[in-house]
Every structure is written in structure tokens, then in C-alpha cells.
Amino acid sequence: MGVGAQSGFEVAFQEFVYYAGPMIQLAYWLVMIVAALWAVTLFKRWVEFRTGAKAGATDTAVPAAAPAPEKAISIDEFVE
């Protein structure tokens, strides 16, 4: 196909892509930024849920350590 006159649709489509292309690309990246921030927020909420952490709960009581066994454990039987 040789180089010739373009139809009206081709010219209109090329003009539309020329002007709308950068705007569509900008909208895409703005949506990607919002989606990334939303994903981080959801992940943070899930981690706080799984770990039991709560926002603003700095004075939460720490569970006491397990009591020491009454009888000392002999390790001699495990050492060769």
C-alpha cells in the first residue's frame, strides 16, 4: 500500500490518540498510586489484626513470663 491521502476517520483517530493518549496515561498512573496506597492500608490492617496490635494501645499489659520449673532439668543424659 502506497503513501496516499488518509481517510477522515484515520485523521480523527490519530488526533484523538494524540490528545487523549497522555491524559489516559496520567489517569492510569494516578489509579495505580491510589491502588498501591489502598493495598498498603489493607495489608497494614491485616498485620495489625493477625498480631493483635491496636492503634493507640501503648499501655497494654504484657503477659507474664512462664514460671520457672520447680525441678531443675538435668542435661547430662543428653550430652555424650
PDB file of N, CA and C in Angstrom:
ATOM      1  N   MET A   1       0.843  -1.168   0.000  1.00  0.00           N
ATOM      2  CA  MET A   1       0.000   0.000   0.000  1.00  0.00           C
ATOM      3  C   MET A   1       0.894   1.239   0.000  1.00  0.00           C
ATOM      4  N   GLY A   2       0.671   2.107  -0.903  1.00  0.00           N
ATOM      5  CA  GLY A   2       1.491   3.297  -1.017  1.00  0.00           C
ATOM      6  C   GLY A   2       1.043   4.396  -0.076  1.00  0.00           C
ATOM      7  N   VAL A   3       1.866   5.398   0.006  1.00  0.00           N
ATOM      8  CA  VAL A   3       1.536   6.548   0.834  1.00  0.00           C
ATOM      9  C   VAL A   3       0.551   7.403   0.051  1.00  0.00           C
ATOM     10  N   GLY A   4      -0.576   7.667   0.675  1.00  0.00           N
ATOM     11  CA  GLY A   4      -1.577   8.466  -0.019  1.00  0.00           C
ATOM     12  C   GLY A   4      -2.377   9.269   0.978  1.00  0.00           C
ATOM     13  N   ALA A   5      -3.450   9.789   0.526  1.00  0.00           N
ATOM     14  CA  ALA A   5      -4.315  10.578   1.394  1.00  0.00           C
ATOM     15  C   ALA A   5      -5.016   9.663   2.392  1.00  0.00           C
ATOM     16  N   GLN A   6      -5.107  10.109   3.610  1.00  0.00           N
ATOM     17  CA  GLN A   6      -5.767   9.326   4.648  1.00  0.00           C
ATOM     18  C   GLN A   6      -7.241   9.699   4.701  1.00  0.00           C
ATOM     19  N   SER A   7      -8.023   8.721   5.157  1.00  0.00           N
ATOM     20  CA  SER A   7      -9.459   8.987   5.270  1.00  0.00           C
ATOM     21  C   SER A   7      -9.732   9.879   6.475  1.00  0.00           C
ATOM     22  N   GLY A   8     -10.928  10.399   6.536  1.00  0.00           N
ATOM     23  CA  GLY A   8     -11.302  11.289   7.632  1.00  0.00           C
ATOM     24  C   GLY A   8     -11.276  10.592   8.980  1.00  0.00           C
ATOM     25  N   PHE A   9     -11.655   9.299   8.995  1.00  0.00           N
ATOM     26  CA  PHE A   9     -11.637   8.567  10.267  1.00  0.00           C
ATOM     27  C   PHE A   9     -10.223   8.395  10.784  1.00  0.00           C
ATOM     28  N   GLU A  10      -9.281   8.077   9.886  1.00  0.00           N
ATOM     29  CA  GLU A  10      -7.892   7.879  10.313  1.00  0.00           C
ATOM     30  C   GLU A  10      -7.317   9.162  10.903  1.00  0.00           C
ATOM     31  N   VAL A  11      -7.589  10.257  10.282  1.00  0.00           N
ATOM     32  CA  VAL A  11      -7.085  11.545  10.772  1.00  0.00           C
ATOM     33  C   VAL A  11      -7.719  11.866  12.123  1.00  0.00           C
ATOM     34  N   ALA A  12      -9.025  11.660  12.237  1.00  0.00           N
ATOM     35  CA  ALA A  12      -9.704  11.951  13.505  1.00  0.00           C
ATOM     36  C   ALA A  12      -9.203  11.032  14.610  1.00  0.00           C
ATOM     37  N   PHE A  13      -8.985   9.757  14.289  1.00  0.00           N
ATOM     38  CA  PHE A  13      -8.492   8.816  15.303  1.00  0.00           C
ATOM     39  C   PHE A  13      -7.086   9.182  15.752  1.00  0.00           C
ATOM     40  N   GLN A  14      -6.213   9.521  14.808  1.00  0.00           N
ATOM     41  CA  GLN A  14      -4.856   9.913  15.172  1.00  0.00           C
ATOM     42  C   GLN A  14      -4.850  11.175  16.025  1.00  0.00           C
ATOM     43  N   GLU A  15      -5.710  12.104  15.712  1.00  0.00           N
ATOM     44  CA  GLU A  15      -5.798  13.326  16.515  1.00  0.00           C
ATOM     45  C   GLU A  15      -6.309  13.019  17.920  1.00  0.00           C
ATOM     46  N   PHE A  16      -7.299  12.105  18.013  1.00  0.00           N
ATOM     47  CA  PHE A  16      -7.823  11.706  19.324  1.00  0.00           C
ATOM     48  C   PHE A  16      -6.735  11.049  20.163  1.00  0.00           C
ATOM     49  N   VAL A  17      -5.979  10.132  19.554  1.00  0.00           N
ATOM     50  CA  VAL A  17      -4.900   9.446  20.284  1.00  0.00           C
ATOM     51  C   VAL A  17      -3.821  10.448  20.681  1.00  0.00           C
ATOM     52  N   TYR A  18      -3.532  11.407  19.814  1.00  0.00           N
ATOM     53  CA  TYR A  18      -2.507  12.404  20.110  1.00  0.00           C
ATOM     54  C   TYR A  18      -2.855  13.210  21.353  1.00  0.00           C
ATOM     55  N   TYR A  19      -4.124  13.584  21.507  1.00  0.00           N
ATOM     56  CA  TYR A  19      -4.527  14.403  22.649  1.00  0.00           C
ATOM     57  C   TYR A  19      -4.952  13.563  23.854  1.00  0.00           C
ATOM     58  N   ALA A  20      -5.642  12.472  23.620  1.00  0.00           N
ATOM     59  CA  ALA A  20      -6.174  11.675  24.732  1.00  0.00           C
ATOM     60  C   ALA A  20      -5.140  10.717  25.312  1.00  0.00           C
ATOM     61  N   GLY A  21      -4.153  10.329  24.533  1.00  0.00           N
ATOM     62  CA  GLY A  21      -3.152   9.363  24.998  1.00  0.00           C
ATOM     63  C   GLY A  21      -2.456   9.777  26.290  1.00  0.00           C
ATOM     64  N   PRO A  22      -1.869  10.957  26.343  1.00  0.00           N
ATOM     65  CA  PRO A  22      -1.208  11.383  27.584  1.00  0.00           C
ATOM     66  C   PRO A  22      -2.180  11.514  28.764  1.00  0.00           C
ATOM     67  N   MET A  23      -3.401  11.940  28.491  1.00  0.00           N
ATOM     68  CA  MET A  23      -4.373  12.061  29.583  1.00  0.00           C
ATOM     69  C   MET A  23      -4.756  10.679  30.122  1.00  0.00           C
ATOM     70  N   ILE A  24      -4.922   9.721  29.227  1.00  0.00           N
ATOM     71  CA  ILE A  24      -5.239   8.353  29.662  1.00  0.00           C
ATOM     72  C   ILE A  24      -4.075   7.769  30.446  1.00  0.00           C
ATOM     73  N   GLN A  25      -2.852   8.016  30.001  1.00  0.00           N
ATOM     74  CA  GLN A  25      -1.680   7.523  30.707  1.00  0.00           C
ATOM     75  C   GLN A  25      -1.565   8.160  32.096  1.00  0.00           C
ATOM     76  N   LEU A  26      -1.826   9.451  32.202  1.00  0.00           N
ATOM     77  CA  LEU A  26      -1.800  10.115  33.505  1.00  0.00           C
ATOM     78  C   LEU A  26      -2.868   9.550  34.436  1.00  0.00           C
ATOM     79  N   ALA A  27      -4.060   9.334  33.908  1.00  0.00           N
ATOM     80  CA  ALA A  27      -5.130   8.743  34.718  1.00  0.00           C
ATOM     81  C   ALA A  27      -4.746   7.341  35.174  1.00  0.00           C
ATOM     82  N   TYR A  28      -4.112   6.575  34.303  1.00  0.00           N
ATOM     83  CA  TYR A  28      -3.663   5.223  34.668  1.00  0.00           C
ATOM     84  C   TYR A  28      -2.709   5.269  35.852  1.00  0.00           C
ATOM     85  N   TRP A  29      -1.712   6.140  35.791  1.00  0.00           N
ATOM     86  CA  TRP A  29      -0.733   6.191  36.879  1.00  0.00           C
ATOM     87  C   TRP A  29      -1.355   6.723  38.175  1.00  0.00           C
ATOM     88  N   LEU A  30      -2.298   7.629  38.083  1.00  0.00           N
ATOM     89  CA  LEU A  30      -2.981   8.088  39.301  1.00  0.00           C
ATOM     90  C   LEU A  30      -3.774   6.952  39.934  1.00  0.00           C
ATOM     91  N   VAL A  31      -4.437   6.143  39.112  1.00  0.00           N
ATOM     92  CA  VAL A  31      -5.171   4.990  39.620  1.00  0.00           C
ATOM     93  C   VAL A  31      -4.198   3.989  40.245  1.00  0.00           C
ATOM     94  N   MET A  32      -3.036   3.788  39.643  1.00  0.00           N
ATOM     95  CA  MET A  32      -2.046   2.856  40.192  1.00  0.00           C
ATOM     96  C   MET A  32      -1.539   3.327  41.557  1.00  0.00           C
ATOM     97  N   ILE A  33      -1.342   4.635  41.714  1.00  0.00           N
ATOM     98  CA  ILE A  33      -0.889   5.169  43.005  1.00  0.00           C
ATOM     99  C   ILE A  33      -1.955   4.934  44.070  1.00  0.00           C
ATOM    100  N   VAL A  34      -3.207   5.226  43.739  1.00  0.00           N
ATOM    101  CA  VAL A  34      -4.302   5.013  44.692  1.00  0.00           C
ATOM    102  C   VAL A  34      -4.425   3.542  45.038  1.00  0.00           C
ATOM    103  N   ALA A  35      -4.318   2.667  44.051  1.00  0.00           N
ATOM    104  CA  ALA A  35      -4.419   1.225  44.306  1.00  0.00           C
ATOM    105  C   ALA A  35      -3.275   0.740  45.189  1.00  0.00           C
ATOM    106  N   ALA A  36      -2.070   1.254  44.986  1.00  0.00           N
ATOM    107  CA  ALA A  36      -0.933   0.855  45.810  1.00  0.00           C
ATOM    108  C   ALA A  36      -1.123   1.314  47.258  1.00  0.00           C
ATOM    109  N   LEU A  37      -1.588   2.537  47.444  1.00  0.00           N
ATOM    110  CA  LEU A  37      -1.835   3.028  48.806  1.00  0.00           C
ATOM    111  C   LEU A  37      -2.938   2.234  49.490  1.00  0.00           C
ATOM    112  N   TRP A  38      -3.962   1.877  48.740  1.00  0.00           N
ATOM    113  CA  TRP A  38      -5.056   1.072  49.292  1.00  0.00           C
ATOM    114  C   TRP A  38      -4.545  -0.315  49.694  1.00  0.00           C
ATOM    115  N   ALA A  39      -3.692  -0.916  48.863  1.00  0.00           N
ATOM    116  CA  ALA A  39      -3.139  -2.232  49.174  1.00  0.00           C
ATOM    117  C   ALA A  39      -2.274  -2.170  50.429  1.00  0.00           C
ATOM    118  N   VAL A  40      -1.487  -1.119  50.575  1.00  0.00           N
ATOM    119  CA  VAL A  40      -0.650  -0.970  51.774  1.00  0.00           C
ATOM    120  C   VAL A  40      -1.532  -0.830  53.013  1.00  0.00           C
ATOM    121  N   THR A  41      -2.594  -0.053  52.906  1.00  0.00           N
ATOM    122  CA  THR A  41      -3.506   0.126  54.037  1.00  0.00           C
ATOM    123  C   THR A  41      -4.179  -1.188  54.424  1.00  0.00           C
ATOM    124  N   LEU A  42      -4.646  -1.930  53.434  1.00  0.00           N
ATOM    125  CA  LEU A  42      -5.270  -3.226  53.726  1.00  0.00           C
ATOM    126  C   LEU A  42      -4.280  -4.192  54.353  1.00  0.00           C
ATOM    127  N   PHE A  43      -3.052  -4.224  53.846  1.00  0.00           N
ATOM    128  CA  PHE A  43      -2.030  -5.115  54.404  1.00  0.00           C
ATOM    129  C   PHE A  43      -1.690  -4.719  55.834  1.00  0.00           C
ATOM    130  N   LYS A  44      -1.598  -3.419  56.096  1.00  0.00           N
ATOM    131  CA  LYS A  44      -1.307  -2.942  57.454  1.00  0.00           C
ATOM    132  C   LYS A  44      -2.420  -3.341  58.414  1.00  0.00           C
ATOM    133  N   ARG A  45      -3.674  -3.198  57.962  1.00  0.00           N
ATOM    134  CA  ARG A  45      -4.802  -3.598  58.811  1.00  0.00           C
ATOM    135  C   ARG A  45      -4.779  -5.100  59.075  1.00  0.00           C
ATOM    136  N   TRP A  46      -4.423  -5.898  58.067  1.00  0.00           N
ATOM    137  CA  TRP A  46      -4.372  -7.357  58.232  1.00  0.00           C
ATOM    138  C   TRP A  46      -3.264  -7.748  59.207  1.00  0.00           C
ATOM    139  N   VAL A  47      -2.091  -7.105  59.093  1.00  0.00           N
ATOM    140  CA  VAL A  47      -0.978  -7.407  60.002  1.00  0.00           C
ATOM    141  C   VAL A  47      -1.354  -7.039  61.428  1.00  0.00           C
ATOM    142  N   GLU A  48      -1.981  -5.880  61.613  1.00  0.00           N
ATOM    143  CA  GLU A  48      -2.399  -5.490  62.961  1.00  0.00           C
ATOM    144  C   GLU A  48      -3.435  -6.462  63.514  1.00  0.00           C
ATOM    145  N   PHE A  49      -4.326  -6.949  62.676  1.00  0.00           N
ATOM    146  CA  PHE A  49      -5.319  -7.926  63.111  1.00  0.00           C
ATOM    147  C   PHE A  49      -4.649  -9.237  63.516  1.00  0.00           C
ATOM    148  N   ARG A  50      -3.716  -9.718  62.690  1.00  0.00           N
ATOM    149  CA  ARG A  50      -3.064 -11.002  62.972  1.00  0.00           C
ATOM    150  C   ARG A  50      -2.142 -10.923  64.184  1.00  0.00           C
ATOM    151  N   THR A  51      -1.524  -9.780  64.427  1.00  0.00           N
ATOM    152  CA  THR A  51      -0.600  -9.658  65.547  1.00  0.00           C
ATOM    153  C   THR A  51      -1.289  -9.180  66.817  1.00  0.00           C
ATOM    154  N   GLY A  52      -2.518  -8.747  66.711  1.00  0.00           N
ATOM    155  CA  GLY A  52      -3.231  -8.259  67.880  1.00  0.00           C
ATOM    156  C   GLY A  52      -2.874  -6.840  68.244  1.00  0.00           C
ATOM    157  N   ALA A  53      -2.135  -6.160  67.400  1.00  0.00           N
ATOM    158  CA  ALA A  53      -1.761  -4.772  67.669  1.00  0.00           C
ATOM    159  C   ALA A  53      -2.973  -3.878  67.437  1.00  0.00           C
ATOM    160  N   LYS A  54      -3.123  -2.869  68.277  1.00  0.00           N
ATOM    161  CA  LYS A  54      -4.209  -1.912  68.132  1.00  0.00           C
ATOM    162  C   LYS A  54      -3.624  -0.515  68.134  1.00  0.00           C
ATOM    163  N   ALA A  55      -4.194   0.355  67.348  1.00  0.00           N
ATOM    164  CA  ALA A  55      -3.706   1.730  67.281  1.00  0.00           C
ATOM    165  C   ALA A  55      -3.992   2.433  68.607  1.00  0.00           C
ATOM    166  N   GLY A  56      -2.986   3.062  69.189  1.00  0.00           N
ATOM    167  CA  GLY A  56      -3.161   3.829  70.410  1.00  0.00           C
ATOM    168  C   GLY A  56      -3.134   2.987  71.675  1.00  0.00           C
ATOM    169  N   ALA A  57      -2.890   1.708  71.573  1.00  0.00           N
ATOM    170  CA  ALA A  57      -2.872   0.844  72.762  1.00  0.00           C
ATOM    171  C   ALA A  57      -1.431   0.670  73.223  1.00  0.00           C
ATOM    172  N   THR A  58      -0.853   1.734  73.770  1.00  0.00           N
ATOM    173  CA  THR A  58       0.537   1.660  74.212  1.00  0.00           C
ATOM    174  C   THR A  58       0.657   1.159  75.647  1.00  0.00           C
ATOM    175  N   ASP A  59      -0.417   1.233  76.414  1.00  0.00           N
ATOM    176  CA  ASP A  59      -0.350   0.803  77.805  1.00  0.00           C
ATOM    177  C   ASP A  59      -0.957  -0.585  78.002  1.00  0.00           C
ATOM    178  N   THR A  60      -0.915  -1.419  76.996  1.00  0.00           N
ATOM    179  CA  THR A  60      -1.455  -2.765  77.096  1.00  0.00           C
ATOM    180  C   THR A  60      -0.578  -3.586  78.036  1.00  0.00           C
ATOM    181  N   ALA A  61      -1.225  -4.352  78.885  1.00  0.00           N
ATOM    182  CA  ALA A  61      -0.479  -5.174  79.831  1.00  0.00           C
ATOM    183  C   ALA A  61       0.266  -6.279  79.086  1.00  0.00           C
ATOM    184  N   VAL A  62       1.520  -6.467  79.456  1.00  0.00           N
ATOM    185  CA  VAL A  62       2.342  -7.503  78.848  1.00  0.00           C
ATOM    186  C   VAL A  62       2.110  -8.790  79.629  1.00  0.00           C
ATOM    187  N   PRO A  63       1.839  -9.902  78.966  1.00  0.00           N
ATOM    188  CA  PRO A  63       1.628 -11.145  79.696  1.00  0.00           C
ATOM    189  C   PRO A  63       2.891 -11.561  80.445  1.00  0.00           C
ATOM    190  N   ALA A  64       2.683 -12.130  81.610  1.00  0.00           N
ATOM    191  CA  ALA A  64       3.813 -12.543  82.442  1.00  0.00           C
ATOM    192  C   ALA A  64       4.522 -13.724  81.802  1.00  0.00           C
ATOM    193  N   ALA A  65       5.806 -13.840  82.100  1.00  0.00           N
ATOM    194  CA  ALA A  65       6.590 -14.957  81.575  1.00  0.00           C
ATOM    195  C   ALA A  65       6.169 -16.240  82.274  1.00  0.00           C
ATOM    196  N   ALA A  66       6.411 -17.348  81.617  1.00  0.00           N
ATOM    197  CA  ALA A  66       6.059 -18.647  82.195  1.00  0.00           C
ATOM    198  C   ALA A  66       6.886 -18.870  83.458  1.00  0.00           C
ATOM    199  N   PRO A  67       6.282 -19.440  84.494  1.00  0.00           N
ATOM    200  CA  PRO A  67       7.050 -19.676  85.719  1.00  0.00           C
ATOM    201  C   PRO A  67       8.149 -20.712  85.484  1.00  0.00           C
ATOM    202  N   ALA A  68       9.213 -20.552  86.248  1.00  0.00           N
ATOM    203  CA  ALA A  68      10.338 -21.474  86.129  1.00  0.00           C
ATOM    204  C   ALA A  68       9.920 -22.848  86.657  1.00  0.00           C
ATOM    205  N   PRO A  69      10.404 -23.917  86.045  1.00  0.00           N
ATOM    206  CA  PRO A  69      10.059 -25.255  86.533  1.00  0.00           C
ATOM    207  C   PRO A  69      10.607 -25.470  87.948  1.00  0.00           C
ATOM    208  N   GLU A  70       9.856 -26.213  88.739  1.00  0.00           N
ATOM    209  CA  GLU A  70      10.269 -26.456  90.135  1.00  0.00           C
ATOM    210  C   GLU A  70      11.504 -27.345  90.195  1.00  0.00           C
ATOM    211  N   LYS A  71      11.551 -28.353  89.364  1.00  0.00           N
ATOM    212  CA  LYS A  71      12.671 -29.280  89.377  1.00  0.00           C
ATOM    213  C   LYS A  71      13.635 -28.892  88.265  1.00  0.00           C
ATOM    214  N   ALA A  72      14.906 -28.804  88.584  1.00  0.00           N
ATOM    215  CA  ALA A  72      15.901 -28.466  87.580  1.00  0.00           C
ATOM    216  C   ALA A  72      16.014 -29.620  86.593  1.00  0.00           C
ATOM    217  N   ILE A  73      16.150 -29.281  85.346  1.00  0.00           N
ATOM    218  CA  ILE A  73      16.259 -30.301  84.307  1.00  0.00           C
ATOM    219  C   ILE A  73      17.719 -30.696  84.171  1.00  0.00           C
ATOM    220  N   SER A  74      17.967 -31.983  84.201  1.00  0.00           N
ATOM    221  CA  SER A  74      19.336 -32.488  84.062  1.00  0.00           C
ATOM    222  C   SER A  74      19.641 -32.655  82.584  1.00  0.00           C
ATOM    223  N   ILE A  75      20.716 -32.000  82.156  1.00  0.00           N
ATOM    224  CA  ILE A  75      21.085 -32.117  80.761  1.00  0.00           C
ATOM    225  C   ILE A  75      22.183 -33.159  80.551  1.00  0.00           C
ATOM    226  N   ASP A  76      22.671 -33.754  81.617  1.00  0.00           N
ATOM    227  CA  ASP A  76      23.758 -34.723  81.496  1.00  0.00           C
ATOM    228  C   ASP A  76      23.335 -35.939  80.665  1.00  0.00           C
ATOM    229  N   GLU A  77      22.112 -36.340  80.752  1.00  0.00           N
ATOM    230  CA  GLU A  77      21.681 -37.503  79.993  1.00  0.00           C
ATOM    231  C   GLU A  77      21.608 -37.243  78.486  1.00  0.00           C
ATOM    232  N   PHE A  78      21.615 -36.002  78.076  1.00  0.00           N
ATOM    233  CA  PHE A  78      21.572 -35.669  76.664  1.00  0.00           C
ATOM    234  C   PHE A  78      22.926 -35.384  76.062  1.00  0.00           C
ATOM    235  N   VAL A  79      23.937 -35.220  76.931  1.00  0.00           N
ATOM    236  CA  VAL A  79      25.296 -34.886  76.476  1.00  0.00           C
ATOM    237  C   VAL A  79      26.089 -36.184  76.345  1.00  0.00           C
ATOM    238  N   GLU A  80      26.778 -36.341  75.236  1.00  0.00           N
ATOM    239  CA  GLU A  80      27.599 -37.551  75.057  1.00  0.00           C
ATOM    240  C   GLU A  80      28.992 -37.337  75.559  1.00  0.00           C
TER     241      GLU A  80
END
